[in-house]
Amino acid sequence: IGCLLLLASALPPLARAQQFSDWTTAVNLGPPVNSALVEVDPFISKDGLSLYFSCNNCPGGYVGYDIWVAQRASVNDPWGTPQNLGPNINTSASETGALISPDGHRLYFSSDRDGGVGGSDLYVSRRHNKRDDLGWQPAENLGSGVNTGFNEDGPAIFEDDATGVITLYFYSPRPTGLGGADTYAS
């Protein structure tokens, strides 16, 4: 018992204080976010007021998967009608896996659009006002330092508060991995 107490007291205060509850039962968001079509890859903004997701062939979109955003006035309000992010983000190819950087100024996603390195590539778009969900600038390919002739998908960002270092995680079936799709960091 003394050993357990010693080990517990050696943990940082935050690790000792963290306690997590059980997950609640999943609840379908329903209309207007969900429809009879396919909505995937949800990502919610840090403030909880913007919900980004991809929808396959949704009315008002382009061909394939597009990235959409639904907004709400407060975390207690229902989601509004989703809006397509438009031609700076979406093309006649598929755009999926949207996520917003912790500072709210960069949108990362994957797309198999023409002009990439090959397969699905990772892209970034920037906005000046982090509250303007439709103010994204034209997307830029992250280039051959990240992308290959194989698919790169599922971007995730980690920002180390202590060092300021930002790491981009993603998965890819490139042949340098162990098999299937492996996780990479850049």
Foldseek 3Di string as FASTA:
>chain_A
DVVVVVVLVPDDPVVNPDDDDDDDDDDDLDPPVDDPWDWDQWEAAPQRFKIKIWTAPDPPAAHGIFIWIWGDPHNPGRTDHIDTLDDLGDDNWHWGNWDAPNVQFKIKIWTQDPPAQADIFIWIWGADDSVPSNRTGRIDTPDPVGDHNWHWGNWDWDADPVPRDIKIKTWTQDPVDPGDIDIDID
